[in-house]
């Protein structure tokens, strides 16, 4: 089997609030929510309809991990979410009061907006130009 990137771990403060944000605000699918121990769960979310890489919501379990919740990349955009209808998804972000960091603009590679998730991680929402 060839290699593929399965999951990206995203540090969160609380499993349930993160699940709520990703499923109710971004309309992701809750793929799996399995109790691993009294303090740990295996929680996977994925953009609706996606068959690619998913996100593992990982509850910060140490002071060092807690210090990185919302800023895993030192303030850079962390995740890139492609869409087939950026106007629809951008309006959803506005309707759900998601923090917009950079307004919707056209760039050489497509239409782009930058938003922050519930913890402050930065996301590019991208509708790529047709090739």
Protein backbone atom coordinates (compact mmCIF):
# COMPACT_ATOMS: atom_id res chain seq x y z
CA UNK A 1 0.00 0.00 0.00
CA UNK A 2 1.41 3.45 -0.84
CA UNK A 3 1.93 5.95 1.92
CA UNK A 4 -0.71 8.55 2.69
CA UNK A 5 -1.28 11.17 5.36
CA UNK A 6 -4.17 9.91 7.51
CA UNK A 7 -4.68 12.43 10.33
CA UNK A 8 -3.34 15.72 11.62
CA UNK A 9 -3.44 16.14 15.41
CA UNK A 10 -5.02 19.38 16.55
CA UNK A 11 -4.64 20.29 20.21
CA UNK A 12 -7.91 21.30 21.88
CA UNK A 13 -9.01 22.30 25.38
CA UNK A 14 -12.12 20.14 25.43
CA UNK A 15 -13.32 17.33 23.19
CA UNK A 16 -17.00 18.23 23.23
CA UNK A 17 -16.59 21.96 22.52
CA UNK A 18 -14.21 21.14 19.67
CA UNK A 19 -16.61 18.55 18.23
CA UNK A 20 -19.41 21.10 18.44
CA UNK A 21 -17.38 23.76 16.61
CA UNK A 22 -16.18 21.49 13.84
CA UNK A 23 -19.50 19.73 13.26
CA UNK A 24 -21.99 22.56 13.86
CA UNK A 25 -20.01 25.58 12.66
CA UNK A 26 -17.78 24.15 9.91
CA UNK A 27 -20.20 21.31 9.07
CA UNK A 28 -17.50 18.64 9.36
CA UNK A 29 -18.47 15.02 9.89
CA UNK A 30 -17.73 13.32 13.20
CA UNK A 31 -16.02 10.20 11.89
CA UNK A 32 -15.12 8.58 15.20
CA UNK A 33 -15.40 9.29 18.93
CA UNK A 34 -13.99 6.44 20.96
CA UNK A 35 -13.14 6.46 24.68
CA UNK A 36 -9.54 5.33 25.17
CA UNK A 37 -9.24 5.94 28.94
CA UNK A 38 -10.79 8.05 31.69
CA UNK A 39 -9.06 11.14 30.22
CA UNK A 40 -8.42 10.32 26.56
CA UNK A 41 -10.65 9.90 23.52
CA UNK A 42 -9.92 9.11 19.88
CA UNK A 43 -11.90 11.82 18.06
CA UNK A 44 -11.70 12.18 14.29
CA UNK A 45 -13.47 14.89 12.26
CA UNK A 46 -13.36 15.44 8.54
CA UNK A 47 -14.80 17.91 6.05
CA UNK A 48 -18.16 16.62 4.83
CA UNK A 49 -17.66 14.32 1.85
CA UNK A 50 -13.87 14.28 2.16
CA UNK A 51 -11.94 11.05 1.74
CA UNK A 52 -8.54 12.63 2.40
CA UNK A 53 -6.67 13.59 5.53
CA UNK A 54 -8.79 14.09 8.63
CA UNK A 55 -8.24 15.87 11.94
CA UNK A 56 -7.57 14.09 15.21
CA UNK A 57 -8.88 16.30 18.01
CA UNK A 58 -6.32 15.78 20.77
CA UNK A 59 -7.08 17.15 24.23
CA UNK A 60 -4.03 18.90 25.65
CA UNK A 61 -2.83 16.79 28.55
CA UNK A 62 0.19 18.72 29.82
CA UNK A 63 1.11 22.32 30.51
CA UNK A 64 3.37 22.34 27.46
CA UNK A 65 0.57 21.06 25.19
CA UNK A 66 -1.90 23.50 26.75
CA UNK A 67 0.44 26.38 25.90
CA UNK A 68 0.17 25.45 22.22
CA UNK A 69 -3.62 25.17 21.92
CA UNK A 70 -4.61 27.66 19.24
CA UNK A 71 -1.07 28.38 18.12
CA UNK A 72 0.55 25.19 16.93
CA UNK A 73 2.33 27.00 14.09
CA UNK A 74 3.58 30.17 15.75
CA UNK A 75 0.89 32.38 14.22
CA UNK A 76 1.07 31.09 10.64
CA UNK A 77 -1.90 29.67 8.80
CA UNK A 78 -2.08 26.06 9.98
CA UNK A 79 -4.70 24.32 7.86
CA UNK A 80 -5.96 24.79 4.31
CA UNK A 81 -9.60 23.97 3.60
CA UNK A 82 -10.53 23.69 -0.07
CA UNK A 83 -14.12 24.34 -1.11
CA UNK A 84 -16.15 24.23 -4.30
CA UNK A 85 -18.23 27.27 -3.20
CA UNK A 86 -16.31 29.83 -1.18
CA UNK A 87 -19.16 32.36 -1.13
CA UNK A 88 -21.42 29.78 0.57
CA UNK A 89 -18.79 28.76 3.11
CA UNK A 90 -17.62 32.32 3.77
CA UNK A 91 -21.23 33.40 4.42
CA UNK A 92 -21.57 30.45 6.84
CA UNK A 93 -18.49 31.66 8.74
CA UNK A 94 -19.96 35.15 8.98
CA UNK A 95 -23.38 33.80 10.02
CA UNK A 96 -21.75 31.69 12.76
CA UNK A 97 -19.68 34.67 14.01
CA UNK A 98 -16.36 32.98 13.22
CA UNK A 99 -13.45 35.41 13.46
CA UNK A 100 -12.38 36.50 9.97
CA UNK A 101 -8.69 37.36 9.90
CA UNK A 102 -8.48 38.23 6.18
CA UNK A 103 -11.56 39.09 4.14
CA UNK A 104 -12.44 37.14 1.01
CA UNK A 105 -10.13 38.13 -1.85
CA UNK A 106 -9.01 36.87 -5.24
CA UNK A 107 -5.44 35.68 -5.49
CA UNK A 108 -3.54 34.19 -8.45
CA UNK A 109 -4.34 30.66 -7.24
CA UNK A 110 -8.02 31.27 -6.41
CA UNK A 111 -10.38 32.95 -3.98
CA UNK A 112 -9.14 32.96 -0.37
CA UNK A 113 -10.26 34.01 3.10
CA UNK A 114 -8.48 33.43 6.40
CA UNK A 115 -10.41 32.58 9.55
CA UNK A 116 -9.61 31.51 13.11
CA UNK A 117 -11.14 28.44 14.69
CA UNK A 118 -12.52 28.43 18.23
CA UNK A 119 -9.01 28.35 19.72
CA UNK A 120 -7.36 30.81 17.33
CA UNK A 121 -5.70 28.43 14.86
CA UNK A 122 -5.60 30.09 11.45
CA UNK A 123 -7.19 28.45 8.42
CA UNK A 124 -7.13 29.36 4.74
CA UNK A 125 -10.49 28.78 3.10
CA UNK A 126 -9.68 28.37 -0.60
CA UNK A 127 -11.68 27.94 -3.77
CA UNK A 128 -8.89 27.13 -6.22
CA UNK A 129 -8.95 28.41 -9.79
CA UNK A 130 -10.04 25.84 -12.32
CA UNK A 131 -7.10 24.35 -14.18
